[in-house]
Amino acid sequence: MARHFVTLLADEDLMAQIVQIEKMDGVEIGTNRPSEGLTDAVDSPLGPEEIKAMLQLVTVAFTTASAAVVFLEKVKKLIGGPKPKDSRKIRVKHGKSGANLGTIDSNTDVKALAKKLIQ
């Protein structure tokens, strides 16, 4: 089966929850890491705690559209209900090209997003 790769970008707290999603058939979750390289962090005027609070990324591989839908539904639930207290979002990028595929928030149609991922 072909694997389709996507990269998810989210804040540190949300990313910690994403990588803890239980294992499921058709989904492989990589290890999360900072979205900025170490050289950028060293040159940054921000302190280490501010850098840590910035975005992290993880690569996820899907083998089927149905696995992508189930996984994305679980990710969407981590954000909260229709009006979450904060406007957390997860950016979704193509795993190989880096092209922006969309954003997961409380209003995202995960079936439509999964269809984009498995093209």
Protein backbone atom coordinates (compact mmCIF):
# COMPACT_ATOMS: atom_id res chain seq x y z
CA MET A 1 0.00 0.00 0.00
CA ALA A 2 1.11 3.51 -0.73
CA ARG A 3 1.77 5.79 2.20
CA HIS A 4 0.73 9.43 2.12
CA PHE A 5 2.74 11.77 4.34
CA VAL A 6 1.57 14.97 6.01
CA THR A 7 3.20 17.29 8.48
CA LEU A 8 1.17 18.71 11.34
CA LEU A 9 2.26 21.97 13.04
CA ALA A 10 0.83 22.89 16.44
CA ASP A 11 1.78 24.43 19.77
CA GLU A 12 3.78 22.29 22.18
CA ASP A 13 0.86 21.33 24.45
CA LEU A 14 -1.38 20.30 21.58
CA MET A 15 1.45 18.42 19.86
CA ALA A 16 2.11 16.41 23.03
CA GLN A 17 -1.52 15.26 22.89
CA ILE A 18 -1.37 14.46 19.18
CA VAL A 19 1.62 12.13 19.48
CA GLN A 20 -0.16 10.30 22.35
CA ILE A 21 -3.13 9.31 20.16
CA GLU A 22 -3.46 5.54 20.35
CA LYS A 23 -1.94 3.47 17.56
CA MET A 24 -4.32 2.52 14.79
CA ASP A 25 -4.18 0.56 11.54
CA GLY A 26 -3.23 2.70 8.57
CA VAL A 27 -1.61 5.51 10.60
CA GLU A 28 2.00 6.00 11.61
CA ILE A 29 2.91 8.97 13.83
CA GLY A 30 6.51 10.17 13.90
CA THR A 31 8.36 11.92 16.72
CA ASN A 32 7.49 15.55 17.34
CA ARG A 33 10.26 18.15 17.08
CA PRO A 34 10.61 21.94 17.05
CA SER A 35 9.62 23.57 13.78
CA GLU A 36 12.69 25.83 13.92
CA GLY A 37 16.23 24.50 13.67
CA LEU A 38 18.70 24.76 16.53
CA THR A 39 20.76 27.41 14.76
CA ASP A 40 17.68 29.63 14.55
CA ALA A 41 17.02 29.08 18.23
CA VAL A 42 20.57 30.08 19.16
CA ASP A 43 20.38 33.26 17.10
CA SER A 44 16.94 34.19 18.38
CA PRO A 45 16.48 37.16 20.72
CA LEU A 46 13.90 35.08 22.59
CA GLY A 47 14.82 32.92 25.56
CA PRO A 48 14.65 29.13 25.54
CA GLU A 49 11.22 29.02 27.18
CA GLU A 50 9.67 31.29 24.53
CA ILE A 51 11.19 29.19 21.77
CA LYS A 52 9.90 26.01 23.39
CA ALA A 53 6.37 27.40 23.42
CA MET A 54 6.42 27.96 19.66
CA LEU A 55 5.31 25.49 17.05
CA GLN A 56 6.33 21.88 16.91
CA LEU A 57 5.84 19.51 14.01
CA VAL A 58 5.27 15.84 13.47
CA THR A 59 5.05 13.76 10.30
CA VAL A 60 2.13 11.36 9.98
CA ALA A 61 1.73 8.66 7.33
CA PHE A 62 -1.64 7.34 6.18
CA THR A 63 -2.27 4.26 4.05
CA THR A 64 -6.01 4.81 3.54
CA ALA A 65 -8.43 7.71 3.44
CA SER A 66 -10.59 6.07 6.11
CA ALA A 67 -7.61 5.88 8.49
CA ALA A 68 -6.90 9.55 7.79
CA VAL A 69 -10.50 10.50 8.62
CA VAL A 70 -10.48 8.60 11.93
CA PHE A 71 -7.13 10.09 12.94
CA LEU A 72 -8.10 13.64 11.95
CA GLU A 73 -11.37 13.33 13.91
CA LYS A 74 -9.32 12.44 17.00
CA VAL A 75 -7.02 15.41 16.39
CA LYS A 76 -10.00 17.73 15.93
CA LYS A 77 -11.48 16.59 19.26
CA LEU A 78 -8.27 17.68 21.00
CA ILE A 79 -9.00 21.28 20.01
CA GLY A 80 -12.38 21.46 21.70
CA GLY A 81 -16.00 22.17 20.91
CA PRO A 82 -17.49 24.57 18.39
CA LYS A 83 -16.37 27.60 20.43
CA PRO A 84 -13.09 26.67 22.17
CA LYS A 85 -11.83 29.05 24.83
CA ASP A 86 -8.78 29.75 22.71
CA SER A 87 -8.45 29.62 18.95
CA ARG A 88 -5.97 26.76 18.67
CA LYS A 89 -5.35 25.52 15.17
CA ILE A 90 -3.22 22.85 13.57
CA ARG A 91 -1.62 23.55 10.22
CA VAL A 92 -1.47 20.66 7.78
CA LYS A 93 1.22 20.50 5.10
CA HIS A 94 2.08 17.96 2.43
CA GLY A 95 4.82 15.78 3.91
CA LYS A 96 7.08 15.84 0.86
CA SER A 97 6.43 19.13 -0.95
CA GLY A 98 5.61 21.26 2.11
CA ALA A 99 2.55 22.68 0.34
CA ASN A 100 -0.13 23.99 2.68
CA LEU A 101 -3.14 21.62 2.64
CA GLY A 102 -5.30 23.32 5.23
CA THR A 103 -5.92 23.94 8.89
CA ILE A 104 -7.63 21.82 11.52
CA ASP A 105 -9.81 23.83 13.86
CA SER A 106 -13.16 23.24 15.55
CA ASN A 107 -15.01 23.79 12.23
CA THR A 108 -12.86 21.67 9.90
CA ASP A 109 -14.53 19.15 7.60
CA VAL A 110 -12.09 16.28 8.19
CA LYS A 111 -13.48 14.18 5.32
CA ALA A 112 -12.69 16.95 2.84
CA LEU A 113 -9.25 17.43 4.36
CA ALA A 114 -8.53 13.67 4.27
CA LYS A 115 -9.47 13.63 0.59
CA LYS A 116 -6.79 16.29 -0.05
CA LEU A 117 -4.24 14.23 1.87
CA ILE A 118 -4.80 11.02 -0.09
CA GLN A 119 -4.54 12.43 -3.61
